[in-house]
Amino acid sequence: VLDEPSAFLDVGARVDLMALLRRIARGRGITVVLSTHEVELALRM
């Protein structure tokens, strides 16, 4: 569970983090739940 994990990151780092979380969720088979204000990024990833 992550609360606003990209809050202090720049644009590139936000995308990298979301991509990393997707890879972790799939690779480890775990449940990932995060809150975010990045609506457009959440819709894509």
ModelCIF file with pLDDT and N, C-alpha, C, O atoms, coordinates in Angstrom:
data_MODEL
#
_entry.id   MODEL 
#
_entity.id                         1 
_entity.type                       polymer 
_entity.pdbx_number_of_molecules   1 
#
_entity_poly.entity_id                      1 
_entity_poly.type                           'polypeptide(L)' 
_entity_poly.nstd_linkage                   no 
_entity_poly.nstd_monomer                   no 
_entity_poly.pdbx_seq_one_letter_code       VLDEPSAFLDVGARVDLMALLRRIARGRGITVVLSTHEVELALRM 
_entity_poly.pdbx_seq_one_letter_code_can   VLDEPSAFLDVGARVDLMALLRRIARGRGITVVLSTHEVELALRM 
_entity_poly.pdbx_strand_id                 A 
#
loop_
_entity_poly_seq.entity_id 
_entity_poly_seq.num 
_entity_poly_seq.mon_id 
_entity_poly_seq.hetero 
1 1  VAL n 
1 2  LEU n 
1 3  ASP n 
1 4  GLU n 
1 5  PRO n 
1 6  SER n 
1 7  ALA n 
1 8  PHE n 
1 9  LEU n 
1 10 ASP n 
1 11 VAL n 
1 12 GLY n 
1 13 ALA n 
1 14 ARG n 
1 15 VAL n 
1 16 ASP n 
1 17 LEU n 
1 18 MET n 
1 19 ALA n 
1 20 LEU n 
1 21 LEU n 
1 22 ARG n 
1 23 ARG n 
1 24 ILE n 
1 25 ALA n 
1 26 ARG n 
1 27 GLY n 
1 28 ARG n 
1 29 GLY n 
1 30 ILE n 
1 31 THR n 
1 32 VAL n 
1 33 VAL n 
1 34 LEU n 
1 35 SER n 
1 36 THR n 
1 37 HIS n 
1 38 GLU n 
1 39 VAL n 
1 40 GLU n 
1 41 LEU n 
1 42 ALA n 
1 43 LEU n 
1 44 ARG n 
1 45 MET n 
#
_struct_asym.id          A 
_struct_asym.entity_id   1 
#
loop_
_ma_qa_metric.id 
_ma_qa_metric.mode 
_ma_qa_metric.name 
_ma_qa_metric.software_group_id 
_ma_qa_metric.type 
1 global pLDDT . pLDDT 
2 local  pLDDT . pLDDT 
#
_ma_qa_metric_global.metric_id      1 
_ma_qa_metric_global.metric_value   91.84 
_ma_qa_metric_global.model_id       1 
_ma_qa_metric_global.ordinal_id     1 
#
loop_
_ma_qa_metric_local.label_asym_id 
_ma_qa_metric_local.label_comp_id 
_ma_qa_metric_local.label_seq_id 
_ma_qa_metric_local.metric_id 
_ma_qa_metric_local.metric_value 
_ma_qa_metric_local.model_id 
_ma_qa_metric_local.ordinal_id 
A VAL 1  2 97.00 1 1  
A LEU 2  2 96.00 1 2  
A ASP 3  2 94.00 1 3  
A GLU 4  2 91.00 1 4  
A PRO 5  2 90.00 1 5  
A SER 6  2 85.00 1 6  
A ALA 7  2 81.00 1 7  
A PHE 8  2 78.00 1 8  
A LEU 9  2 84.00 1 9  
A ASP 10 2 84.00 1 10 
A VAL 11 2 85.00 1 11 
A GLY 12 2 85.00 1 12 
A ALA 13 2 85.00 1 13 
A ARG 14 2 89.00 1 14 
A VAL 15 2 91.00 1 15 
A ASP 16 2 90.00 1 16 
A LEU 17 2 90.00 1 17 
A MET 18 2 92.00 1 18 
A ALA 19 2 92.00 1 19 
A LEU 20 2 92.00 1 20 
A LEU 21 2 94.00 1 21 
A ARG 22 2 94.00 1 22 
A ARG 23 2 94.00 1 23 
A ILE 24 2 94.00 1 24 
A ALA 25 2 96.00 1 25 
A ARG 26 2 96.00 1 26 
A GLY 27 2 93.00 1 27 
A ARG 28 2 93.00 1 28 
A GLY 29 2 95.00 1 29 
A ILE 30 2 96.00 1 30 
A THR 31 2 97.00 1 31 
A VAL 32 2 98.00 1 32 
A VAL 33 2 98.00 1 33 
A LEU 34 2 97.00 1 34 
A SER 35 2 96.00 1 35 
A THR 36 2 94.00 1 36 
A HIS 37 2 91.00 1 37 
A GLU 38 2 92.00 1 38 
A VAL 39 2 93.00 1 39 
A GLU 40 2 93.00 1 40 
A LEU 41 2 93.00 1 41 
A ALA 42 2 95.00 1 42 
A LEU 43 2 94.00 1 43 
A ARG 44 2 93.00 1 44 
A MET 45 2 93.00 1 45 
#
loop_
_atom_site.group_PDB 
_atom_site.id 
_atom_site.type_symbol 
_atom_site.label_atom_id 
_atom_site.label_alt_id 
_atom_site.label_comp_id 
_atom_site.label_asym_id 
_atom_site.label_entity_id 
_atom_site.label_seq_id 
_atom_site.pdbx_PDB_ins_code 
_atom_site.Cartn_x 
_atom_site.Cartn_y 
_atom_site.Cartn_z 
_atom_site.occupancy 
_atom_site.B_iso_or_equiv 
_atom_site.pdbx_formal_charge 
_atom_site.auth_seq_id 
_atom_site.auth_comp_id 
_atom_site.auth_asym_id 
_atom_site.auth_atom_id 
_atom_site.pdbx_PDB_model_num 
ATOM 1   N N  . VAL A 1 1  ? 0.852  -1.187  0.000   1.00 97.00 ? 1  VAL A N  1 
ATOM 2   C CA . VAL A 1 1  ? 0.000  0.000   0.000   1.00 97.00 ? 1  VAL A CA 1 
ATOM 3   C C  . VAL A 1 1  ? 0.885  1.234   0.000   1.00 97.00 ? 1  VAL A C  1 
ATOM 4   O O  . VAL A 1 1  ? 1.788  1.360   0.827   1.00 97.00 ? 1  VAL A O  1 
ATOM 5   N N  . LEU A 1 2  ? 0.623  2.144   -0.931  1.00 96.00 ? 2  LEU A N  1 
ATOM 6   C CA . LEU A 1 2  ? 1.423  3.360   -1.048  1.00 96.00 ? 2  LEU A CA 1 
ATOM 7   C C  . LEU A 1 2  ? 0.493  4.570   -1.087  1.00 96.00 ? 2  LEU A C  1 
ATOM 8   O O  . LEU A 1 2  ? -0.469 4.600   -1.855  1.00 96.00 ? 2  LEU A O  1 
ATOM 9   N N  . ASP A 1 3  ? 0.783  5.552   -0.264  1.00 94.00 ? 3  ASP A N  1 
ATOM 10  C CA . ASP A 1 3  ? -0.008 6.783   -0.218  1.00 94.00 ? 3  ASP A CA 1 
ATOM 11  C C  . ASP A 1 3  ? 0.762  7.891   -0.932  1.00 94.00 ? 3  ASP A C  1 
ATOM 12  O O  . ASP A 1 3  ? 1.792  8.357   -0.445  1.00 94.00 ? 3  ASP A O  1 
ATOM 13  N N  . GLU A 1 4  ? 0.257  8.303   -2.080  1.00 91.00 ? 4  GLU A N  1 
ATOM 14  C CA . GLU A 1 4  ? 0.880  9.357   -2.898  1.00 91.00 ? 4  GLU A CA 1 
ATOM 15  C C  . GLU A 1 4  ? 2.380  9.099   -3.100  1.00 91.00 ? 4  GLU A C  1 
ATOM 16  O O  . GLU A 1 4  ? 3.192  9.953   -2.744  1.00 91.00 ? 4  GLU A O  1 
ATOM 17  N N  . PRO A 1 5  ? 2.760  7.976   -3.648  1.00 90.00 ? 5  PRO A N  1 
ATOM 18  C CA . PRO A 1 5  ? 4.193  7.654   -3.769  1.00 90.00 ? 5  PRO A CA 1 
ATOM 19  C C  . PRO A 1 5  ? 4.969  8.580   -4.695  1.00 90.00 ? 5  PRO A C  1 
ATOM 20  O O  . PRO A 1 5  ? 6.195  8.647   -4.609  1.00 90.00 ? 5  PRO A O  1 
ATOM 21  N N  . SER A 1 6  ? 4.278  9.298   -5.583  1.00 85.00 ? 6  SER A N  1 
ATOM 22  C CA . SER A 1 6  ? 4.988  10.176  -6.527  1.00 85.00 ? 6  SER A CA 1 
ATOM 23  C C  . SER A 1 6  ? 4.930  11.641  -6.120  1.00 85.00 ? 6  SER A C  1 
ATOM 24  O O  . SER A 1 6  ? 5.247  12.522  -6.920  1.00 85.00 ? 6  SER A O  1 
ATOM 25  N N  . ALA A 1 7  ? 4.522  11.908  -4.870  1.00 81.00 ? 7  ALA A N  1 
ATOM 26  C CA . ALA A 1 7  ? 4.260  13.287  -4.450  1.00 81.00 ? 7  ALA A CA 1 
ATOM 27  C C  . ALA A 1 7  ? 5.452  14.220  -4.612  1.00 81.00 ? 7  ALA A C  1 
ATOM 28  O O  . ALA A 1 7  ? 5.272  15.390  -4.951  1.00 81.00 ? 7  ALA A O  1 
ATOM 29  N N  . PHE A 1 8  ? 6.661  13.730  -4.377  1.00 78.00 ? 8  PHE A N  1 
ATOM 30  C CA . PHE A 1 8  ? 7.833  14.606  -4.407  1.00 78.00 ? 8  PHE A CA 1 
ATOM 31  C C  . PHE A 1 8  ? 8.728  14.353  -5.623  1.00 78.00 ? 8  PHE A C  1 
ATOM 32  O O  . PHE A 1 8  ? 9.879  14.787  -5.654  1.00 78.00 ? 8  PHE A O  1 
ATOM 33  N N  . LEU A 1 9  ? 8.191  13.647  -6.624  1.00 84.00 ? 9  LEU A N  1 
ATOM 34  C CA . LEU A 1 9  ? 9.006  13.258  -7.764  1.00 84.00 ? 9  LEU A CA 1 
ATOM 35  C C  . LEU A 1 9  ? 8.717  14.118  -8.983  1.00 84.00 ? 9  LEU A C  1 
ATOM 36  O O  . LEU A 1 9  ? 7.624  14.664  -9.132  1.00 84.00 ? 9  LEU A O  1 
ATOM 37  N N  . ASP A 1 10 ? 9.725  14.231  -9.861  1.00 84.00 ? 10 ASP A N  1 
ATOM 38  C CA . ASP A 1 10 ? 9.496  14.947  -11.108 1.00 84.00 ? 10 ASP A CA 1 
ATOM 39  C C  . ASP A 1 10 ? 8.751  14.033  -12.086 1.00 84.00 ? 10 ASP A C  1 
ATOM 40  O O  . ASP A 1 10 ? 8.505  12.864  -11.788 1.00 84.00 ? 10 ASP A O  1 
ATOM 41  N N  . VAL A 1 11 ? 8.397  14.576  -13.253 1.00 85.00 ? 11 VAL A N  1 
ATOM 42  C CA . VAL A 1 11 ? 7.525  13.859  -14.183 1.00 85.00 ? 11 VAL A CA 1 
ATOM 43  C C  . VAL A 1 11 ? 8.125  12.528  -14.611 1.00 85.00 ? 11 VAL A C  1 
ATOM 44  O O  . VAL A 1 11 ? 7.442  11.504  -14.583 1.00 85.00 ? 11 VAL A O  1 
ATOM 45  N N  . GLY A 1 12 ? 9.391  12.532  -15.005 1.00 85.00 ? 12 GLY A N  1 
ATOM 46  C CA . GLY A 1 12 ? 10.023 11.300  -15.456 1.00 85.00 ? 12 GLY A CA 1 
ATOM 47  C C  . GLY A 1 12 ? 10.074 10.244  -14.373 1.00 85.00 ? 12 GLY A C  1 
ATOM 48  O O  . GLY A 1 12 ? 9.837  9.064   -14.632 1.00 85.00 ? 12 GLY A O  1 
ATOM 49  N N  . ALA A 1 13 ? 10.387 10.672  -13.152 1.00 85.00 ? 13 ALA A N  1 
ATOM 50  C CA . ALA A 1 13 ? 10.481 9.734   -12.039 1.00 85.00 ? 13 ALA A CA 1 
ATOM 51  C C  . ALA A 1 13 ? 9.116  9.148   -11.688 1.00 85.00 ? 13 ALA A C  1 
ATOM 52  O O  . ALA A 1 13 ? 9.029  8.005   -11.241 1.00 85.00 ? 13 ALA A O  1 
ATOM 53  N N  . ARG A 1 14 ? 8.050  9.926   -11.886 1.00 89.00 ? 14 ARG A N  1 
ATOM 54  C CA . ARG A 1 14 ? 6.700  9.422   -11.624 1.00 89.00 ? 14 ARG A CA 1 
ATOM 55  C C  . ARG A 1 14 ? 6.357  8.287   -12.578 1.00 89.00 ? 14 ARG A C  1 
ATOM 56  O O  . ARG A 1 14 ? 5.813  7.262   -12.166 1.00 89.00 ? 14 ARG A O  1 
ATOM 57  N N  . VAL A 1 15 ? 6.673  8.472   -13.834 1.00 91.00 ? 15 VAL A N  1 
ATOM 58  C CA . VAL A 1 15 ? 6.407  7.432   -14.816 1.00 91.00 ? 15 VAL A CA 1 
ATOM 59  C C  . VAL A 1 15 ? 7.238  6.189   -14.511 1.00 91.00 ? 15 VAL A C  1 
ATOM 60  O O  . VAL A 1 15 ? 6.734  5.068   -14.568 1.00 91.00 ? 15 VAL A O  1 
ATOM 61  N N  . ASP A 1 16 ? 8.509  6.395   -14.186 1.00 90.00 ? 16 ASP A N  1 
ATOM 62  C CA . ASP A 1 16 ? 9.387  5.269   -13.853 1.00 90.00 ? 16 ASP A CA 1 
ATOM 63  C C  . ASP A 1 16 ? 8.843  4.488   -12.660 1.00 90.00 ? 16 ASP A C  1 
ATOM 64  O O  . ASP A 1 16 ? 8.864  3.257   -12.653 1.00 90.00 ? 16 ASP A O  1 
ATOM 65  N N  . LEU A 1 17 ? 8.357  5.212   -11.651 1.00 90.00 ? 17 LEU A N  1 
ATOM 66  C CA . LEU A 1 17 ? 7.843  4.552   -10.452 1.00 90.00 ? 17 LEU A CA 1 
ATOM 67  C C  . LEU A 1 17 ? 6.617  3.709   -10.777 1.00 90.00 ? 17 LEU A C  1 
ATOM 68  O O  . LEU A 1 17 ? 6.514  2.568   -10.327 1.00 90.00 ? 17 LEU A O  1 
ATOM 69  N N  . MET A 1 18 ? 5.691  4.257   -11.552 1.00 92.00 ? 18 MET A N  1 
ATOM 70  C CA . MET A 1 18 ? 4.490  3.501   -11.903 1.00 92.00 ? 18 MET A CA 1 
ATOM 71  C C  . MET A 1 18 ? 4.835  2.261   -12.717 1.00 92.00 ? 18 MET A C  1 
ATOM 72  O O  . MET A 1 18 ? 4.257  1.193   -12.514 1.00 92.00 ? 18 MET A O  1 
ATOM 73  N N  . ALA A 1 19 ? 5.775  2.411   -13.632 1.00 92.00 ? 19 ALA A N  1 
ATOM 74  C CA . ALA A 1 19 ? 6.203  1.252   -14.426 1.00 92.00 ? 19 ALA A CA 1 
ATOM 75  C C  . ALA A 1 19 ? 6.842  0.198   -13.531 1.00 92.00 ? 19 ALA A C  1 
ATOM 76  O O  . ALA A 1 19 ? 6.622  -0.998  -13.719 1.00 92.00 ? 19 ALA A O  1 
ATOM 77  N N  . LEU A 1 20 ? 7.627  0.641   -12.562 1.00 92.00 ? 20 LEU A N  1 
ATOM 78  C CA . LEU A 1 20 ? 8.268  -0.286  -11.631 1.00 92.00 ? 20 LEU A CA 1 
ATOM 79  C C  . LEU A 1 20 ? 7.232  -1.019  -10.786 1.00 92.00 ? 20 LEU A C  1 
ATOM 80  O O  . LEU A 1 20 ? 7.353  -2.223  -10.562 1.00 92.00 ? 20 LEU A O  1 
ATOM 81  N N  . LEU A 1 21 ? 6.219  -0.300  -10.319 1.00 94.00 ? 21 LEU A N  1 
ATOM 82  C CA . LEU A 1 21 ? 5.186  -0.925  -9.500  1.00 94.00 ? 21 LEU A CA 1 
ATOM 83  C C  . LEU A 1 21 ? 4.394  -1.962  -10.301 1.00 94.00 ? 21 LEU A C  1 
ATOM 84  O O  . LEU A 1 21 ? 4.031  -3.008  -9.764  1.00 94.00 ? 21 LEU A O  1 
ATOM 85  N N  . ARG A 1 22 ? 4.128  -1.686  -11.565 1.00 94.00 ? 22 ARG A N  1 
ATOM 86  C CA . ARG A 1 22 ? 3.448  -2.666  -12.413 1.00 94.00 ? 22 ARG A CA 1 
ATOM 87  C C  . ARG A 1 22 ? 4.296  -3.928  -12.565 1.00 94.00 ? 22 ARG A C  1 
ATOM 88  O O  . ARG A 1 22 ? 3.789  -5.047  -12.487 1.00 94.00 ? 22 ARG A O  1 
ATOM 89  N N  . ARG A 1 23 ? 5.583  -3.727  -12.779 1.00 94.00 ? 23 ARG A N  1 
ATOM 90  C CA . ARG A 1 23 ? 6.472  -4.869  -12.949 1.00 94.00 ? 23 ARG A CA 1 
ATOM 91  C C  . ARG A 1 23 ? 6.550  -5.689  -11.662 1.00 94.00 ? 23 ARG A C  1 
ATOM 92  O O  . ARG A 1 23 ? 6.563  -6.919  -11.706 1.00 94.00 ? 23 ARG A O  1 
ATOM 93  N N  . ILE A 1 24 ? 6.600  -5.013  -10.529 1.00 94.00 ? 24 ILE A N  1 
ATOM 94  C CA . ILE A 1 24 ? 6.660  -5.703  -9.246  1.00 94.00 ? 24 ILE A CA 1 
ATOM 95  C C  . ILE A 1 24 ? 5.373  -6.487  -8.991  1.00 94.00 ? 24 ILE A C  1 
ATOM 96  O O  . ILE A 1 24 ? 5.418  -7.644  -8.572  1.00 94.00 ? 24 ILE A O  1 
ATOM 97  N N  . ALA A 1 25 ? 4.229  -5.855  -9.245  1.00 96.00 ? 25 ALA A N  1 
ATOM 98  C CA . ALA A 1 25 ? 2.949  -6.527  -9.019  1.00 96.00 ? 25 ALA A CA 1 
ATOM 99  C C  . ALA A 1 25 ? 2.849  -7.792  -9.849  1.00 96.00 ? 25 ALA A C  1 
ATOM 100 O O  . ALA A 1 25 ? 2.445  -8.838  -9.341  1.00 96.00 ? 25 ALA A O  1 
ATOM 101 N N  . ARG A 1 26 ? 3.214  -7.706  -11.120 1.00 96.00 ? 26 ARG A N  1 
ATOM 102 C CA . ARG A 1 26 ? 3.124  -8.860  -11.998 1.00 96.00 ? 26 ARG A CA 1 
ATOM 103 C C  . ARG A 1 26 ? 4.182  -9.908  -11.665 1.00 96.00 ? 26 ARG A C  1 
ATOM 104 O O  . ARG A 1 26 ? 3.886  -11.101 -11.594 1.00 96.00 ? 26 ARG A O  1 
ATOM 105 N N  . GLY A 1 27 ? 5.411  -9.455  -11.462 1.00 93.00 ? 27 GLY A N  1 
ATOM 106 C CA . GLY A 1 27 ? 6.502  -10.392 -11.227 1.00 93.00 ? 27 GLY A CA 1 
ATOM 107 C C  . GLY A 1 27 ? 6.377  -11.139 -9.918  1.00 93.00 ? 27 GLY A C  1 
ATOM 108 O O  . GLY A 1 27 ? 6.695  -12.326 -9.846  1.00 93.00 ? 27 GLY A O  1 
ATOM 109 N N  . ARG A 1 28 ? 5.914  -10.453 -8.872  1.00 93.00 ? 28 ARG A N  1 
ATOM 110 C CA . ARG A 1 28 ? 5.808  -11.078 -7.554  1.00 93.00 ? 28 ARG A CA 1 
ATOM 111 C C  . ARG A 1 28 ? 4.409  -11.604 -7.257  1.00 93.00 ? 28 ARG A C  1 
ATOM 112 O O  . ARG A 1 28 ? 4.206  -12.322 -6.278  1.00 93.00 ? 28 ARG A O  1 
ATOM 113 N N  . GLY A 1 29 ? 3.443  -11.246 -8.103  1.00 95.00 ? 29 GLY A N  1 
ATOM 114 C CA . GLY A 1 29 ? 2.075  -11.691 -7.884  1.00 95.00 ? 29 GLY A CA 1 
ATOM 115 C C  . GLY A 1 29 ? 1.413  -11.086 -6.671  1.00 95.00 ? 29 GLY A C  1 
ATOM 116 O O  . GLY A 1 29 ? 0.521  -11.699 -6.084  1.00 95.00 ? 29 GLY A O  1 
ATOM 117 N N  . ILE A 1 30 ? 1.836  -9.875  -6.277  1.00 96.00 ? 30 ILE A N  1 
ATOM 118 C CA . ILE A 1 30 ? 1.288  -9.239  -5.081  1.00 96.00 ? 30 ILE A CA 1 
ATOM 119 C C  . ILE A 1 30 ? 0.227  -8.210  -5.464  1.00 96.00 ? 30 ILE A C  1 
ATOM 120 O O  . ILE A 1 30 ? 0.116  -7.804  -6.620  1.00 96.00 ? 30 ILE A O  1 
ATOM 121 N N  . THR A 1 31 ? -0.534 -7.809  -4.477  1.00 97.00 ? 31 THR A N  1 
ATOM 122 C CA . THR A 1 31 ? -1.554 -6.771  -4.652  1.00 97.00 ? 31 THR A CA 1 
ATOM 123 C C  . THR A 1 31 ? -0.936 -5.416  -4.332  1.00 97.00 ? 31 THR A C  1 
ATOM 124 O O  . THR A 1 31 ? -0.391 -5.220  -3.246  1.00 97.00 ? 31 THR A O  1 
ATOM 125 N N  . VAL A 1 32 ? -1.020 -4.491  -5.268  1.00 98.00 ? 32 VAL A N  1 
ATOM 126 C CA . VAL A 1 32 ? -0.502 -3.143  -5.065  1.00 98.00 ? 32 VAL A CA 1 
ATOM 127 C C  . VAL A 1 32 ? -1.667 -2.159  -5.110  1.00 98.00 ? 32 VAL A C  1 
ATOM 128 O O  . VAL A 1 32 ? -2.408 -2.106  -6.092  1.00 98.00 ? 32 VAL A O  1 
ATOM 129 N N  . VAL A 1 33 ? -1.822 -1.384  -4.045  1.00 98.00 ? 33 VAL A N  1 
ATOM 130 C CA . VAL A 1 33 ? -2.858 -0.351  -3.977  1.00 98.00 ? 33 VAL A CA 1 
ATOM 131 C C  . VAL A 1 33 ? -2.167 0.969   -3.660  1.00 98.00 ? 33 VAL A C  1 
ATOM 132 O O  . VAL A 1 33 ? -1.410 1.069   -2.695  1.00 98.00 ? 33 VAL A O  1 
ATOM 133 N N  . LEU A 1 34 ? -2.433 1.974   -4.476  1.00 97.00 ? 34 LEU A N  1 
ATOM 134 C CA . LEU A 1 34 ? -1.805 3.279   -4.248  1.00 97.00 ? 34 LEU A CA 1 
ATOM 135 C C  . LEU A 1 34 ? -2.808 4.396   -4.454  1.00 97.00 ? 34 LEU A C  1 
ATOM 136 O O  . LEU A 1 34 ? -3.715 4.281   -5.279  1.00 97.00 ? 34 LEU A O  1 
ATOM 137 N N  . SER A 1 35 ? -2.647 5.470   -3.710  1.00 96.00 ? 35 SER A N  1 
ATOM 138 C CA . SER A 1 35 ? -3.426 6.680   -3.939  1.00 96.00 ? 35 SER A CA 1 
ATOM 139 C C  . SER A 1 35 ? -2.570 7.653   -4.744  1.00 96.00 ? 35 SER A C  1 
ATOM 140 O O  . SER A 1 35 ? -1.345 7.666   -4.625  1.00 96.00 ? 35 SER A O  1 
ATOM 141 N N  . THR A 1 36 ? -3.219 8.451   -5.550  1.00 94.00 ? 36 THR A N  1 
ATOM 142 C CA . THR A 1 36 ? -2.472 9.395   -6.375  1.00 94.00 ? 36 THR A CA 1 
ATOM 143 C C  . THR A 1 36 ? -3.360 10.530  -6.844  1.00 94.00 ? 36 THR A C  1 
ATOM 144 O O  . THR A 1 36 ? -4.571 10.369  -7.000  1.00 94.00 ? 36 THR A O  1 
ATOM 145 N N  . HIS A 1 37 ? -2.738 11.687  -7.068  1.00 91.00 ? 37 HIS A N  1 
ATOM 146 C CA . HIS A 1 37 ? -3.399 12.808  -7.732  1.00 91.00 ? 37 HIS A CA 1 
ATOM 147 C C  . HIS A 1 37 ? -3.108 12.808  -9.231  1.00 91.00 ? 37 HIS A C  1 
ATOM 148 O O  . HIS A 1 37 ? -3.655 13.621  -9.977  1.00 91.00 ? 37 HIS A O  1 
ATOM 149 N N  . GLU A 1 38 ? -2.248 11.897  -9.663  1.00 92.00 ? 38 GLU A N  1 
ATOM 150 C CA . GLU A 1 38 ? -1.850 11.849  -11.068 1.00 92.00 ? 38 GLU A CA 1 
ATOM 151 C C  . GLU A 1 38 ? -2.898 11.060  -11.867 1.00 92.00 ? 38 GLU A C  1 
ATOM 152 O O  . GLU A 1 38 ? -2.699 9.888   -12.188 1.00 92.00 ? 38 GLU A O  1 
ATOM 153 N N  . VAL A 1 39 ? -4.004 11.723  -12.178 1.00 93.00 ? 39 VAL A N  1 
ATOM 154 C CA . VAL A 1 39 ? -5.124 11.040  -12.823 1.00 93.00 ? 39 VAL A CA 1 
ATOM 155 C C  . VAL A 1 39 ? -4.730 10.493  -14.186 1.00 93.00 ? 39 VAL A C  1 
ATOM 156 O O  . VAL A 1 39 ? -4.999 9.329   -14.485 1.00 93.00 ? 39 VAL A O  1 
ATOM 157 N N  . GLU A 1 40 ? -4.101 11.309  -15.009 1.00 93.00 ? 40 GLU A N  1 
ATOM 158 C CA . GLU A 1 40 ? -3.746 10.861  -16.359 1.00 93.00 ? 40 GLU A CA 1 
ATOM 159 C C  . GLU A 1 40 ? -2.773 9.694   -16.324 1.00 93.00 ? 40 GLU A C  1 
ATOM 160 O O  . GLU A 1 40 ? -2.895 8.757   -17.113 1.00 93.00 ? 40 GLU A O  1 
ATOM 161 N N  . LEU A 1 41 ? -1.820 9.743   -15.426 1.00 93.00 ? 41 LEU A N  1 
ATOM 162 C CA . LEU A 1 41 ? -0.848 8.653   -15.305 1.00 93.00 ? 41 LEU A CA 1 
ATOM 163 C C  . LEU A 1 41 ? -1.530 7.371   -14.822 1.00 93.00 ? 41 LEU A C  1 
ATOM 164 O O  . LEU A 1 41 ? -1.237 6.284   -15.319 1.00 93.00 ? 41 LEU A O  1 
ATOM 165 N N  . ALA A 1 42 ? -2.434 7.500   -13.857 1.00 95.00 ? 42 ALA A N  1 
ATOM 166 C CA . ALA A 1 42 ? -3.157 6.332   -13.357 1.00 95.00 ? 42 ALA A CA 1 
ATOM 167 C C  . ALA A 1 42 ? -4.003 5.700   -14.456 1.00 95.00 ? 42 ALA A C  1 
ATOM 168 O O  . ALA A 1 42 ? -4.091 4.475   -14.541 1.00 95.00 ? 42 ALA A O  1 
ATOM 169 N N  . LEU A 1 43 ? -4.623 6.517   -15.293 1.00 94.00 ? 43 LEU A N  1 
ATOM 170 C CA . LEU A 1 43 ? -5.448 5.990   -16.382 1.00 94.00 ? 43 LEU A CA 1 
ATOM 171 C C  . LEU A 1 43 ? -4.621 5.180   -17.368 1.00 94.00 ? 43 LEU A C  1 
ATOM 172 O O  . LEU A 1 43 ? -5.108 4.211   -17.951 1.00 94.00 ? 43 LEU A O  1 
ATOM 173 N N  . ARG A 1 44 ? -3.382 5.578   -17.549 1.00 93.00 ? 44 ARG A N  1 
ATOM 174 C CA . ARG A 1 44 ? -2.518 4.885   -18.512 1.00 93.00 ? 44 ARG A CA 1 
ATOM 175 C C  . ARG A 1 44 ? -1.857 3.633   -17.937 1.00 93.00 ? 44 ARG A C  1 
ATOM 176 O O  . ARG A 1 44 ? -1.614 2.669   -18.663 1.00 93.00 ? 44 ARG A O  1 
ATOM 177 N N  . MET A 1 45 ? -1.565 3.647   -16.633 1.00 93.00 ? 45 MET A N  1 
ATOM 178 C CA . MET A 1 45 ? -0.681 2.614   -16.107 1.00 93.00 ? 45 MET A CA 1 
ATOM 179 C C  . MET A 1 45 ? -1.275 1.726   -15.027 1.00 93.00 ? 45 MET A C  1 
ATOM 180 O O  . MET A 1 45 ? -0.599 0.827   -14.526 1.00 93.00 ? 45 MET A O  1 
#
